[in-house]
Amino acid sequence: MRILAVTTMRNEAPFILEWIAYHQRIGVTDFLIYTNDCEDGTDDLLDRLTALGVVRHERNHSGGKKSVQWRALNKAGRHPLLAAADWIYVTDVDEYLCIHTGDGRIEDLITACPNANGFALPWRMFGCNDVAGFVDRPILEQFTRAAPDRLLWPWRAVQFKSLYRNVNHYDRLGVHRPKGGGFDGWVDGNGHGMPEVGGTVVPTLVPRYGLAQINHYAVGSIESFLIKVARGRPNHTGDPIDLAYWMDRNFNAIEDRRILRHQGAVRDNVAALRADPEIVRLHDNGVAWRKARIAELMTQSDSFYLMARLLQSGPTRVLPLSLQKHLFDQLMTVRRLIAEAKS
């Protein structure tokens, strides 16, 4: 069974080895990675991993009408690796698929729901865990506090990503879900039948993560977040990454260390990748670039004040469930009224 992970990266060199090692552990067999405008050697590191047969790296470019992420996904839709895949998973380098059934591997997830055509895998936001500085340590060990089991607001914190069979039901790849085809035969993070939702959120206050979740390390450390702010979003170039982005994602309500059951195997996989001296050099160069970039940002007023405010802000508050539902329902009303006004 071939399972293909498709992703885009820019300036992520310090995090690549752990991310690949983890997903190798849980059963991803092929990696198709697009990069653009890298300054930290992410592209060179992925070229070396391609030469070693670990991933397939393709260079992308920014500019034009479509965002760089959509341009990459359109290219991926025509790539031979996609045609060869049995299952497709579009993801990001700050997302780790954490499976709770069996041995925590993708084959266990599929075995739990053998007739599923796809899995709508819910995000679980992992906050900064009071980590201020960037250090070259495993993400999975640094950030272990997350959102609660039951959450509906903010809606951006409970979106889903998709793992699905490579069949001709779908028009093309999408960031969160494939375009076209609907959710016939799909299940949610509990293994229950997936409702037909129009967007990328299932509006429920029941626990979401019985079978699987995506650990989303969207903010990371405060220093690394500053680099994310400076880079901007890959698929919404006009939308800023700012304090509001942080507040929607910095959940530290509960301790969740279940993903660490794989950590021994992940360390072994990282060590195997680092057996190549060029991989070590390129990784270390990426770490050095990030540290230098952080030091540069700390000399800029906007970045400095943002860092100070993040230190002051504390974890995102989990609102009472009744208030979460009220806010979500009100948002749906606002969106409906806006749509009606435009029609």
C-alpha atoms as a PDB file:
ATOM      1  CA  MET A   1       0.000   0.000   0.000  1.00  0.00           C
ATOM      2  CA  ARG A   2       1.438   3.346  -1.075  1.00  0.00           C
ATOM      3  CA  ILE A   3       0.537   6.375   0.996  1.00  0.00           C
ATOM      4  CA  LEU A   4       1.549   9.737  -0.435  1.00  0.00           C
ATOM      5  CA  ALA A   5       2.033  12.883   1.662  1.00  0.00           C
ATOM      6  CA  VAL A   6       1.927  16.115  -0.365  1.00  0.00           C
ATOM      7  CA  THR A   7       3.168  19.349   1.177  1.00  0.00           C
ATOM      8  CA  THR A   8       4.729  22.746   0.549  1.00  0.00           C
ATOM      9  CA  MET A   9       7.595  24.284   2.514  1.00  0.00           C
ATOM     10  CA  ARG A  10       9.483  27.520   2.826  1.00  0.00           C
ATOM     11  CA  ASN A  11      12.291  28.125   5.354  1.00  0.00           C
ATOM     12  CA  GLU A  12      11.521  25.005   7.413  1.00  0.00           C
ATOM     13  CA  ALA A  13      14.951  23.319   7.411  1.00  0.00           C
ATOM     14  CA  PRO A  14      15.236  22.702  11.196  1.00  0.00           C
ATOM     15  CA  PHE A  15      11.951  20.763  11.256  1.00  0.00           C
ATOM     16  CA  ILE A  16      12.198  18.586   8.157  1.00  0.00           C
ATOM     17  CA  LEU A  17      14.054  15.548   9.507  1.00  0.00           C
ATOM     18  CA  GLU A  18      11.747  15.029  12.481  1.00  0.00           C
ATOM     19  CA  TRP A  19       8.645  15.471  10.324  1.00  0.00           C
ATOM     20  CA  ILE A  20       9.823  12.958   7.734  1.00  0.00           C
ATOM     21  CA  ALA A  21      11.051  10.506  10.381  1.00  0.00           C
ATOM     22  CA  TYR A  22       7.707  10.593  12.181  1.00  0.00           C
ATOM     23  CA  HIS A  23       5.618  10.080   9.082  1.00  0.00           C
ATOM     24  CA  GLN A  24       7.897   7.271   7.930  1.00  0.00           C
ATOM     25  CA  ARG A  25       7.184   5.648  11.283  1.00  0.00           C
ATOM     26  CA  ILE A  26       3.405   5.797  10.927  1.00  0.00           C
ATOM     27  CA  GLY A  27       3.435   4.449   7.372  1.00  0.00           C
ATOM     28  CA  VAL A  28       3.814   7.208   4.790  1.00  0.00           C
ATOM     29  CA  THR A  29       5.680   5.623   1.887  1.00  0.00           C
ATOM     30  CA  ASP A  30       6.117   8.596  -0.461  1.00  0.00           C
ATOM     31  CA  PHE A  31       6.713  12.310   0.099  1.00  0.00           C
ATOM     32  CA  LEU A  32       6.075  14.913  -2.604  1.00  0.00           C
ATOM     33  CA  ILE A  33       7.380  18.264  -1.381  1.00  0.00           C
ATOM     34  CA  TYR A  34       7.274  21.625  -3.167  1.00  0.00           C
ATOM     35  CA  THR A  35       9.332  24.622  -2.049  1.00  0.00           C
ATOM     36  CA  ASN A  36       9.561  28.279  -3.002  1.00  0.00           C
ATOM     37  CA  ASP A  37      11.710  31.298  -2.120  1.00  0.00           C
ATOM     38  CA  CYS A  38      13.810  29.494   0.487  1.00  0.00           C
ATOM     39  CA  GLU A  39      16.579  31.375   2.256  1.00  0.00           C
ATOM     40  CA  ASP A  40      17.556  28.804   4.897  1.00  0.00           C
ATOM     41  CA  GLY A  41      18.546  25.906   2.633  1.00  0.00           C
ATOM     42  CA  THR A  42      15.244  24.021   2.901  1.00  0.00           C
ATOM     43  CA  ASP A  43      15.394  23.417  -0.846  1.00  0.00           C
ATOM     44  CA  ASP A  44      18.995  22.181  -0.711  1.00  0.00           C
ATOM     45  CA  LEU A  45      18.215  19.831   2.179  1.00  0.00           C
ATOM     46  CA  LEU A  46      15.252  18.399   0.281  1.00  0.00           C
ATOM     47  CA  ASP A  47      17.396  18.035  -2.849  1.00  0.00           C
ATOM     48  CA  ARG A  48      19.828  15.947  -0.826  1.00  0.00           C
ATOM     49  CA  LEU A  49      17.004  13.843   0.609  1.00  0.00           C
ATOM     50  CA  THR A  50      15.753  13.352  -2.947  1.00  0.00           C
ATOM     51  CA  ALA A  51      19.195  12.201  -4.056  1.00  0.00           C
ATOM     52  CA  LEU A  52      19.142   9.673  -1.202  1.00  0.00           C
ATOM     53  CA  GLY A  53      15.724   8.388  -2.307  1.00  0.00           C
ATOM     54  CA  VAL A  54      13.885   9.582   0.816  1.00  0.00           C
ATOM     55  CA  VAL A  55      11.536  12.182  -0.737  1.00  0.00           C
ATOM     56  CA  ARG A  56      10.710  13.759  -4.060  1.00  0.00           C
ATOM     57  CA  HIS A  57      11.412  17.499  -4.057  1.00  0.00           C
ATOM     58  CA  GLU A  58      10.069  19.849  -6.710  1.00  0.00           C
ATOM     59  CA  ARG A  59      10.828  23.561  -6.895  1.00  0.00           C
ATOM     60  CA  ASN A  60       7.872  25.884  -7.135  1.00  0.00           C
ATOM     61  CA  HIS A  61       7.732  29.650  -7.686  1.00  0.00           C
ATOM     62  CA  SER A  62       5.725  32.508  -6.243  1.00  0.00           C
ATOM     63  CA  GLY A  63       3.947  35.204  -8.205  1.00  0.00           C
ATOM     64  CA  GLY A  64       1.043  35.059 -10.607  1.00  0.00           C
ATOM     65  CA  LYS A  65      -2.686  34.912  -9.962  1.00  0.00           C
ATOM     66  CA  LYS A  66      -2.754  31.774  -7.818  1.00  0.00           C
ATOM     67  CA  SER A  67      -1.126  31.483  -4.411  1.00  0.00           C
ATOM     68  CA  VAL A  68       2.081  29.501  -4.224  1.00  0.00           C
ATOM     69  CA  GLN A  69       0.365  26.660  -2.329  1.00  0.00           C
ATOM     70  CA  TRP A  70      -2.398  26.271  -4.895  1.00  0.00           C
ATOM     71  CA  ARG A  71       0.156  26.355  -7.694  1.00  0.00           C
ATOM     72  CA  ALA A  72       2.010  23.493  -6.004  1.00  0.00           C
ATOM     73  CA  LEU A  73      -1.155  21.440  -5.503  1.00  0.00           C
ATOM     74  CA  ASN A  74      -2.091  21.837  -9.147  1.00  0.00           C
ATOM     75  CA  LYS A  75       1.361  20.591 -10.140  1.00  0.00           C
ATOM     76  CA  ALA A  76       1.114  17.703  -7.679  1.00  0.00           C
ATOM     77  CA  GLY A  77      -2.146  16.633  -9.305  1.00  0.00           C
ATOM     78  CA  ARG A  78      -0.188  15.860 -12.479  1.00  0.00           C
ATOM     79  CA  HIS A  79       2.790  14.192 -10.786  1.00  0.00           C
ATOM     80  CA  PRO A  80       3.503  10.459 -11.352  1.00  0.00           C
ATOM     81  CA  LEU A  81       3.678   9.856  -7.593  1.00  0.00           C
ATOM     82  CA  LEU A  82       0.055  10.888  -7.277  1.00  0.00           C
ATOM     83  CA  ALA A  83      -1.070   8.408  -9.916  1.00  0.00           C
ATOM     84  CA  ALA A  84       0.834   5.623  -8.137  1.00  0.00           C
ATOM     85  CA  ALA A  85      -0.609   6.324  -4.679  1.00  0.00           C
ATOM     86  CA  ASP A  86      -3.326   4.248  -2.999  1.00  0.00           C
ATOM     87  CA  TRP A  87      -4.015   6.960  -0.389  1.00  0.00           C
ATOM     88  CA  ILE A  88      -3.381  10.718  -0.504  1.00  0.00           C
ATOM     89  CA  TYR A  89      -2.693  13.041   2.425  1.00  0.00           C
ATOM     90  CA  VAL A  90      -2.215  16.796   1.851  1.00  0.00           C
ATOM     91  CA  THR A  91      -0.537  18.241   4.912  1.00  0.00           C
ATOM     92  CA  ASP A  92       1.957  20.780   6.293  1.00  0.00           C
ATOM     93  CA  VAL A  93       5.262  20.497   8.109  1.00  0.00           C
ATOM     94  CA  ASP A  94       3.689  21.713  11.376  1.00  0.00           C
ATOM     95  CA  GLU A  95       1.053  18.939  11.268  1.00  0.00           C
ATOM     96  CA  TYR A  96       1.566  15.417  12.652  1.00  0.00           C
ATOM     97  CA  LEU A  97      -1.093  12.745  12.170  1.00  0.00           C
ATOM     98  CA  CYS A  98      -1.586  11.107  15.586  1.00  0.00           C
ATOM     99  CA  ILE A  99      -3.523   7.831  15.447  1.00  0.00           C
ATOM    100  CA  HIS A 100      -4.936   6.411  18.680  1.00  0.00           C
ATOM    101  CA  THR A 101      -6.063   2.988  17.506  1.00  0.00           C
ATOM    102  CA  GLY A 102      -3.816  -0.084  17.331  1.00  0.00           C
ATOM    103  CA  ASP A 103      -0.106   0.684  17.089  1.00  0.00           C
ATOM    104  CA  GLY A 104      -0.774   4.230  15.944  1.00  0.00           C
ATOM    105  CA  ARG A 105       0.032   3.656  12.285  1.00  0.00           C
ATOM    106  CA  ILE A 106      -1.977   4.533   9.177  1.00  0.00           C
ATOM    107  CA  GLU A 107      -2.648   0.866   8.473  1.00  0.00           C
ATOM    108  CA  ASP A 108      -4.293   0.641  11.922  1.00  0.00           C
ATOM    109  CA  LEU A 109      -6.494   3.628  11.103  1.00  0.00           C
ATOM    110  CA  ILE A 110      -7.598   2.026   7.841  1.00  0.00           C
ATOM    111  CA  THR A 111      -8.165  -1.333   9.558  1.00  0.00           C
ATOM    112  CA  ALA A 112     -10.432   0.353  12.109  1.00  0.00           C
ATOM    113  CA  CYS A 113     -12.664   1.629   9.263  1.00  0.00           C
ATOM    114  CA  PRO A 114     -11.953  -0.777   6.386  1.00  0.00           C
ATOM    115  CA  ASN A 115     -14.773   0.489   4.188  1.00  0.00           C
ATOM    116  CA  ALA A 116     -13.922   4.173   4.540  1.00  0.00           C
ATOM    117  CA  ASN A 117     -13.181   6.099   1.388  1.00  0.00           C
ATOM    118  CA  GLY A 118     -11.615   8.911   3.388  1.00  0.00           C
ATOM    119  CA  PHE A 119     -10.886  10.298   6.824  1.00  0.00           C
ATOM    120  CA  ALA A 120     -11.674  13.884   7.809  1.00  0.00           C
ATOM    121  CA  LEU A 121      -8.900  14.237  10.393  1.00  0.00           C
ATOM    122  CA  PRO A 122      -9.581  17.015  12.913  1.00  0.00           C
ATOM    123  CA  TRP A 123      -6.957  19.500  13.922  1.00  0.00           C
ATOM    124  CA  ARG A 124      -5.979  19.619  17.575  1.00  0.00           C
ATOM    125  CA  MET A 125      -4.119  22.839  18.276  1.00  0.00           C
ATOM    126  CA  PHE A 126      -0.955  22.539  20.369  1.00  0.00           C
ATOM    127  CA  GLY A 127       0.126  25.816  21.974  1.00  0.00           C
ATOM    128  CA  CYS A 128       3.528  27.262  22.738  1.00  0.00           C
ATOM    129  CA  ASN A 129       3.726  25.479  26.115  1.00  0.00           C
ATOM    130  CA  ASP A 130       5.511  28.561  27.543  1.00  0.00           C
ATOM    131  CA  VAL A 131       8.429  27.985  25.169  1.00  0.00           C
ATOM    132  CA  ALA A 132       9.757  31.415  24.228  1.00  0.00           C
ATOM    133  CA  GLY A 133      13.050  30.710  22.451  1.00  0.00           C
ATOM    134  CA  PHE A 134      13.805  28.640  19.380  1.00  0.00           C
ATOM    135  CA  VAL A 135      16.010  25.625  20.133  1.00  0.00           C
ATOM    136  CA  ASP A 136      16.996  22.718  17.917  1.00  0.00           C
ATOM    137  CA  ARG A 137      15.003  20.100  19.815  1.00  0.00           C
ATOM    138  CA  PRO A 138      12.194  17.763  18.684  1.00  0.00           C
ATOM    139  CA  ILE A 139       8.866  19.542  18.250  1.00  0.00           C
ATOM    140  CA  LEU A 140       6.988  16.552  19.659  1.00  0.00           C
ATOM    141  CA  GLU A 141       8.881  16.762  22.946  1.00  0.00           C
ATOM    142  CA  GLN A 142       8.709  20.541  23.359  1.00  0.00           C
ATOM    143  CA  PHE A 143       5.009  21.139  22.753  1.00  0.00           C
ATOM    144  CA  THR A 144       2.759  18.789  24.705  1.00  0.00           C
ATOM    145  CA  ARG A 145      -0.182  20.988  25.746  1.00  0.00           C
ATOM    146  CA  ALA A 146      -3.220  21.300  23.534  1.00  0.00           C
ATOM    147  CA  ALA A 147      -6.862  22.214  23.060  1.00  0.00           C
ATOM    148  CA  PRO A 148      -9.528  20.246  24.971  1.00  0.00           C
ATOM    149  CA  ASP A 149     -11.460  17.316  23.507  1.00  0.00           C
ATOM    150  CA  ARG A 150     -14.556  19.452  22.995  1.00  0.00           C
ATOM    151  CA  LEU A 151     -14.134  22.700  21.086  1.00  0.00           C
ATOM    152  CA  LEU A 152     -16.098  24.681  18.500  1.00  0.00           C
ATOM    153  CA  TRP A 153     -14.728  28.204  18.902  1.00  0.00           C
ATOM    154  CA  PRO A 154     -12.598  29.643  17.467  1.00  0.00           C
ATOM    155  CA  TRP A 155     -13.671  27.785  14.343  1.00  0.00           C
ATOM    156  CA  ARG A 156     -10.199  27.975  12.819  1.00  0.00           C
ATOM    157  CA  ALA A 157      -8.932  25.728  15.611  1.00  0.00           C
ATOM    158  CA  VAL A 158     -11.201  22.816  14.671  1.00  0.00           C
ATOM    159  CA  GLN A 159     -10.768  22.492  10.935  1.00  0.00           C
ATOM    160  CA  PHE A 160      -9.841  19.163   9.400  1.00  0.00           C
ATOM    161  CA  LYS A 161      -7.407  17.781   6.850  1.00  0.00           C
ATOM    162  CA  SER A 162      -8.012  14.710   4.689  1.00  0.00           C
ATOM    163  CA  LEU A 163      -6.565  11.256   4.113  1.00  0.00           C
ATOM    164  CA  TYR A 164      -8.448   9.556   1.298  1.00  0.00           C
ATOM    165  CA  ARG A 165      -8.362   6.778  -1.253  1.00  0.00           C
ATOM    166  CA  ASN A 166      -6.941   7.738  -4.615  1.00  0.00           C
ATOM    167  CA  VAL A 167     -10.060   7.182  -6.697  1.00  0.00           C
ATOM    168  CA  ASN A 168     -11.548   9.234  -9.495  1.00  0.00           C
ATOM    169  CA  HIS A 169     -14.326  10.735  -7.335  1.00  0.00           C
ATOM    170  CA  TYR A 170     -12.459  14.011  -6.937  1.00  0.00           C
ATOM    171  CA  ASP A 171     -11.663  16.826  -9.320  1.00  0.00           C
ATOM    172  CA  ARG A 172      -8.302  17.855  -7.848  1.00  0.00           C
ATOM    173  CA  LEU A 173      -6.264  18.233  -4.680  1.00  0.00           C
ATOM    174  CA  GLY A 174      -7.277  20.755  -2.022  1.00  0.00           C
ATOM    175  CA  VAL A 175      -5.599  22.216   1.050  1.00  0.00           C
ATOM    176  CA  HIS A 176      -8.093  20.753   3.530  1.00  0.00           C
ATOM    177  CA  ARG A 177     -10.245  18.433   1.398  1.00  0.00           C
ATOM    178  CA  PRO A 178     -10.207  17.276  -2.217  1.00  0.00           C
ATOM    179  CA  LYS A 179     -12.258  19.345  -4.608  1.00  0.00           C
ATOM    180  CA  GLY A 180     -15.472  17.667  -5.732  1.00  0.00           C
ATOM    181  CA  GLY A 181     -16.818  14.259  -4.759  1.00  0.00           C
ATOM    182  CA  GLY A 182     -18.345  15.040  -1.363  1.00  0.00           C
ATOM    183  CA  PHE A 183     -17.978  12.796   1.680  1.00  0.00           C
ATOM    184  CA  ASP A 184     -19.622   9.579   0.542  1.00  0.00           C
ATOM    185  CA  GLY A 185     -18.091   6.787   2.618  1.00  0.00           C
ATOM    186  CA  TRP A 186     -15.947   9.152   4.699  1.00  0.00           C
ATOM    187  CA  VAL A 187     -15.570   9.079   8.483  1.00  0.00           C
ATOM    188  CA  ASP A 188     -14.568  11.678  11.047  1.00  0.00           C
ATOM    189  CA  GLY A 189     -11.948  11.595  13.812  1.00  0.00           C
ATOM    190  CA  ASN A 190     -14.138   9.247  15.847  1.00  0.00           C
ATOM    191  CA  GLY A 191     -14.684   6.834  12.963  1.00  0.00           C
ATOM    192  CA  HIS A 192     -18.302   7.959  12.583  1.00  0.00           C
ATOM    193  CA  GLY A 193     -19.934   8.760   9.261  1.00  0.00           C
ATOM    194  CA  MET A 194     -18.880  12.174   8.004  1.00  0.00           C
ATOM    195  CA  PRO A 195     -21.731  14.658   7.471  1.00  0.00           C
ATOM    196  CA  GLU A 196     -21.921  16.661   4.264  1.00  0.00           C
ATOM    197  CA  VAL A 197     -20.468  19.995   5.369  1.00  0.00           C
ATOM    198  CA  GLY A 198     -19.835  22.845   3.000  1.00  0.00           C
ATOM    199  CA  GLY A 199     -16.582  24.026   4.533  1.00  0.00           C
ATOM    200  CA  THR A 200     -13.752  22.571   6.589  1.00  0.00           C
ATOM    201  CA  VAL A 201     -15.355  22.459  10.054  1.00  0.00           C
ATOM    202  CA  VAL A 202     -17.759  19.915  11.544  1.00  0.00           C
ATOM    203  CA  PRO A 203     -19.987  21.989  13.884  1.00  0.00           C
ATOM    204  CA  THR A 204     -20.148  19.734  16.924  1.00  0.00           C
ATOM    205  CA  LEU A 205     -19.346  19.989  20.623  1.00  0.00           C
ATOM    206  CA  VAL A 206     -18.847  16.250  21.140  1.00  0.00           C
ATOM    207  CA  PRO A 207     -15.261  15.018  21.600  1.00  0.00           C
ATOM    208  CA  ARG A 208     -13.571  14.870  18.174  1.00  0.00           C
ATOM    209  CA  TYR A 209     -10.464  12.751  18.575  1.00  0.00           C
ATOM    210  CA  GLY A 210     -11.481   9.185  19.491  1.00  0.00           C
ATOM    211  CA  LEU A 211      -9.742   7.492  16.582  1.00  0.00           C
ATOM    212  CA  ALA A 212      -7.216  10.032  15.308  1.00  0.00           C
ATOM    213  CA  GLN A 213      -6.244  13.698  15.304  1.00  0.00           C
ATOM    214  CA  ILE A 214      -3.782  15.978  13.615  1.00  0.00           C
ATOM    215  CA  ASN A 215      -1.451  17.512  16.164  1.00  0.00           C
ATOM    216  CA  HIS A 216      -1.146  21.016  14.751  1.00  0.00           C
ATOM    217  CA  TYR A 217       1.906  22.863  16.072  1.00  0.00           C
ATOM    218  CA  ALA A 218       0.760  26.057  14.394  1.00  0.00           C
ATOM    219  CA  VAL A 219       2.501  28.560  16.662  1.00  0.00           C
ATOM    220  CA  GLY A 220       5.591  26.765  17.981  1.00  0.00           C
ATOM    221  CA  SER A 221       7.902  28.857  20.118  1.00  0.00           C
ATOM    222  CA  ILE A 222       7.448  32.612  20.321  1.00  0.00           C
ATOM    223  CA  GLU A 223      10.696  33.203  18.415  1.00  0.00           C
ATOM    224  CA  SER A 224       9.758  30.806  15.620  1.00  0.00           C
ATOM    225  CA  PHE A 225       6.332  32.427  15.414  1.00  0.00           C
ATOM    226  CA  LEU A 226       8.024  35.718  14.578  1.00  0.00           C
ATOM    227  CA  ILE A 227       9.534  34.082  11.496  1.00  0.00           C
ATOM    228  CA  LYS A 228       6.111  32.742  10.506  1.00  0.00           C
ATOM    229  CA  VAL A 229       4.695  36.268  10.843  1.00  0.00           C
ATOM    230  CA  ALA A 230       7.416  37.669   8.608  1.00  0.00           C
ATOM    231  CA  ARG A 231       6.864  34.937   6.004  1.00  0.00           C
ATOM    232  CA  GLY A 232       3.068  35.203   5.757  1.00  0.00           C
ATOM    233  CA  ARG A 233       0.528  32.580   4.740  1.00  0.00           C
ATOM    234  CA  PRO A 234       1.190  30.297   1.765  1.00  0.00           C
ATOM    235  CA  ASN A 235      -2.428  30.142   0.583  1.00  0.00           C
ATOM    236  CA  HIS A 236      -3.843  33.536   1.643  1.00  0.00           C
ATOM    237  CA  THR A 237      -1.098  35.980   0.813  1.00  0.00           C
ATOM    238  CA  GLY A 238      -3.234  38.998   1.746  1.00  0.00           C
ATOM    239  CA  ASP A 239      -4.126  37.703   5.219  1.00  0.00           C
ATOM    240  CA  PRO A 240      -1.586  38.500   7.927  1.00  0.00           C
ATOM    241  CA  ILE A 241      -0.249  36.151  10.550  1.00  0.00           C
ATOM    242  CA  ASP A 242      -0.561  38.271  13.660  1.00  0.00           C
ATOM    243  CA  LEU A 243      -1.717  38.364  17.282  1.00  0.00           C
ATOM    244  CA  ALA A 244      -5.219  37.256  16.237  1.00  0.00           C
ATOM    245  CA  TYR A 245      -3.707  34.186  14.515  1.00  0.00           C
ATOM    246  CA  TRP A 246      -1.842  33.374  17.733  1.00  0.00           C
ATOM    247  CA  MET A 247      -4.938  33.766  19.911  1.00  0.00           C
ATOM    248  CA  ASP A 248      -6.943  31.405  17.716  1.00  0.00           C
ATOM    249  CA  ARG A 249      -4.317  28.668  18.085  1.00  0.00           C
ATOM    250  CA  ASN A 250      -2.326  28.967  21.331  1.00  0.00           C
ATOM    251  CA  PHE A 251      -4.269  26.375  23.319  1.00  0.00           C
ATOM    252  CA  ASN A 252      -2.498  24.849  26.314  1.00  0.00           C
ATOM    253  CA  ALA A 253      -5.528  23.504  28.204  1.00  0.00           C
ATOM    254  CA  ILE A 254      -4.546  19.854  28.594  1.00  0.00           C
ATOM    255  CA  GLU A 255      -1.451  17.679  28.468  1.00  0.00           C
ATOM    256  CA  ASP A 256      -1.455  15.292  25.504  1.00  0.00           C
ATOM    257  CA  ARG A 257       1.701  13.206  25.113  1.00  0.00           C
ATOM    258  CA  ARG A 258       0.217  10.243  23.250  1.00  0.00           C
ATOM    259  CA  ILE A 259       2.188  10.929  20.086  1.00  0.00           C
ATOM    260  CA  LEU A 260       5.393  10.282  22.037  1.00  0.00           C
ATOM    261  CA  ARG A 261       4.799   6.542  21.954  1.00  0.00           C
ATOM    262  CA  HIS A 262       6.554   6.721  18.589  1.00  0.00           C
ATOM    263  CA  GLN A 263       9.456   8.799  19.826  1.00  0.00           C
ATOM    264  CA  GLY A 264      12.012   6.003  20.068  1.00  0.00           C
ATOM    265  CA  ALA A 265      11.393   4.989  16.468  1.00  0.00           C
ATOM    266  CA  VAL A 266      11.389   8.632  15.364  1.00  0.00           C
ATOM    267  CA  ARG A 267      14.804   9.193  16.958  1.00  0.00           C
ATOM    268  CA  ASP A 268      16.118   6.090  15.174  1.00  0.00           C
ATOM    269  CA  ASN A 269      14.753   7.327  11.850  1.00  0.00           C
ATOM    270  CA  VAL A 270      16.285  10.775  12.376  1.00  0.00           C
ATOM    271  CA  ALA A 271      19.619   9.161  13.236  1.00  0.00           C
ATOM    272  CA  ALA A 272      19.474   7.141  10.021  1.00  0.00           C
ATOM    273  CA  LEU A 273      18.892  10.315   8.003  1.00  0.00           C
ATOM    274  CA  ARG A 274      21.722  12.073   9.836  1.00  0.00           C
ATOM    275  CA  ALA A 275      24.139   9.279   8.948  1.00  0.00           C
ATOM    276  CA  ASP A 276      24.765  11.313   5.803  1.00  0.00           C
ATOM    277  CA  PRO A 277      27.191  14.158   6.666  1.00  0.00           C
ATOM    278  CA  GLU A 278      25.672  16.451   4.043  1.00  0.00           C
ATOM    279  CA  ILE A 279      22.243  16.099   5.670  1.00  0.00           C
ATOM    280  CA  VAL A 280      23.771  17.131   8.999  1.00  0.00           C
ATOM    281  CA  ARG A 281      25.483  20.130   7.437  1.00  0.00           C
ATOM    282  CA  LEU A 282      22.349  21.341   5.689  1.00  0.00           C
ATOM    283  CA  HIS A 283      20.211  20.860   8.791  1.00  0.00           C
ATOM    284  CA  ASP A 284      22.720  22.784  10.921  1.00  0.00           C
ATOM    285  CA  ASN A 285      22.843  25.562   8.340  1.00  0.00           C
ATOM    286  CA  GLY A 286      19.071  25.853   8.581  1.00  0.00           C
ATOM    287  CA  VAL A 287      19.257  26.117  12.356  1.00  0.00           C
ATOM    288  CA  ALA A 288      21.940  28.807  12.115  1.00  0.00           C
ATOM    289  CA  TRP A 289      19.861  30.773   9.573  1.00  0.00           C
ATOM    290  CA  ARG A 290      16.823  30.702  11.855  1.00  0.00           C
ATOM    291  CA  LYS A 291      18.793  31.936  14.846  1.00  0.00           C
ATOM    292  CA  ALA A 292      20.306  34.755  12.793  1.00  0.00           C
ATOM    293  CA  ARG A 293      16.892  35.699  11.390  1.00  0.00           C
ATOM    294  CA  ILE A 294      15.411  35.839  14.883  1.00  0.00           C
ATOM    295  CA  ALA A 295      18.241  38.101  16.017  1.00  0.00           C
ATOM    296  CA  GLU A 296      17.569  40.353  13.027  1.00  0.00           C
ATOM    297  CA  LEU A 297      13.834  40.514  13.755  1.00  0.00           C
ATOM    298  CA  MET A 298      14.557  41.497  17.346  1.00  0.00           C
ATOM    299  CA  THR A 299      16.111  44.724  16.058  1.00  0.00           C
ATOM    300  CA  GLN A 300      12.822  45.673  14.355  1.00  0.00           C
ATOM    301  CA  SER A 301      10.158  47.536  16.300  1.00  0.00           C
ATOM    302  CA  ASP A 302       7.114  45.579  15.090  1.00  0.00           C
ATOM    303  CA  SER A 303       8.683  42.183  15.798  1.00  0.00           C
ATOM    304  CA  PHE A 304       9.982  43.270  19.180  1.00  0.00           C
ATOM    305  CA  TYR A 305       6.601  44.567  20.342  1.00  0.00           C
ATOM    306  CA  LEU A 306       4.842  41.472  19.037  1.00  0.00           C
ATOM    307  CA  MET A 307       7.232  39.269  21.005  1.00  0.00           C
ATOM    308  CA  ALA A 308       6.597  41.316  24.144  1.00  0.00           C
ATOM    309  CA  ARG A 309       2.824  41.068  23.707  1.00  0.00           C
ATOM    310  CA  LEU A 310       2.992  37.333  23.160  1.00  0.00           C
ATOM    311  CA  LEU A 311       4.965  36.978  26.391  1.00  0.00           C
ATOM    312  CA  GLN A 312       2.250  38.989  28.142  1.00  0.00           C
ATOM    313  CA  SER A 313      -0.762  37.313  26.577  1.00  0.00           C
ATOM    314  CA  GLY A 314      -0.661  33.843  28.124  1.00  0.00           C
ATOM    315  CA  PRO A 315      -2.572  30.783  26.839  1.00  0.00           C
ATOM    316  CA  THR A 316      -5.774  31.183  24.845  1.00  0.00           C
ATOM    317  CA  ARG A 317      -8.816  30.947  27.093  1.00  0.00           C
ATOM    318  CA  VAL A 318     -11.232  28.067  26.472  1.00  0.00           C
ATOM    319  CA  LEU A 319     -14.706  29.632  26.510  1.00  0.00           C
ATOM    320  CA  PRO A 320     -17.739  27.905  28.074  1.00  0.00           C
ATOM    321  CA  LEU A 321     -19.310  25.492  25.593  1.00  0.00           C
ATOM    322  CA  SER A 322     -22.594  27.401  25.471  1.00  0.00           C
ATOM    323  CA  LEU A 323     -20.743  30.595  24.541  1.00  0.00           C
ATOM    324  CA  GLN A 324     -18.689  28.761  21.917  1.00  0.00           C
ATOM    325  CA  LYS A 325     -21.885  27.531  20.257  1.00  0.00           C
ATOM    326  CA  HIS A 326     -23.446  30.996  20.419  1.00  0.00           C
ATOM    327  CA  LEU A 327     -20.419  32.558  18.711  1.00  0.00           C
ATOM    328  CA  PHE A 328     -20.317  29.889  16.014  1.00  0.00           C
ATOM    329  CA  ASP A 329     -24.041  30.203  15.304  1.00  0.00           C
ATOM    330  CA  GLN A 330     -23.735  33.984  15.145  1.00  0.00           C
ATOM    331  CA  LEU A 331     -20.863  33.680  12.675  1.00  0.00           C
ATOM    332  CA  MET A 332     -23.010  31.451  10.440  1.00  0.00           C
ATOM    333  CA  THR A 333     -25.771  34.062  10.585  1.00  0.00           C
ATOM    334  CA  VAL A 334     -23.360  36.839   9.624  1.00  0.00           C
ATOM    335  CA  ARG A 335     -22.024  34.802   6.708  1.00  0.00           C
ATOM    336  CA  ARG A 336     -25.535  34.020   5.480  1.00  0.00           C
ATOM    337  CA  LEU A 337     -26.530  37.686   5.600  1.00  0.00           C
ATOM    338  CA  ILE A 338     -23.399  38.709   3.708  1.00  0.00           C
ATOM    339  CA  ALA A 339     -24.046  36.057   1.052  1.00  0.00           C
ATOM    340  CA  GLU A 340     -27.652  37.180   0.683  1.00  0.00           C
ATOM    341  CA  ALA A 341     -26.584  40.800   0.313  1.00  0.00           C
ATOM    342  CA  LYS A 342     -24.205  39.857  -2.515  1.00  0.00           C
ATOM    343  CA  SER A 343     -26.731  37.748  -4.397  1.00  0.00           C
END
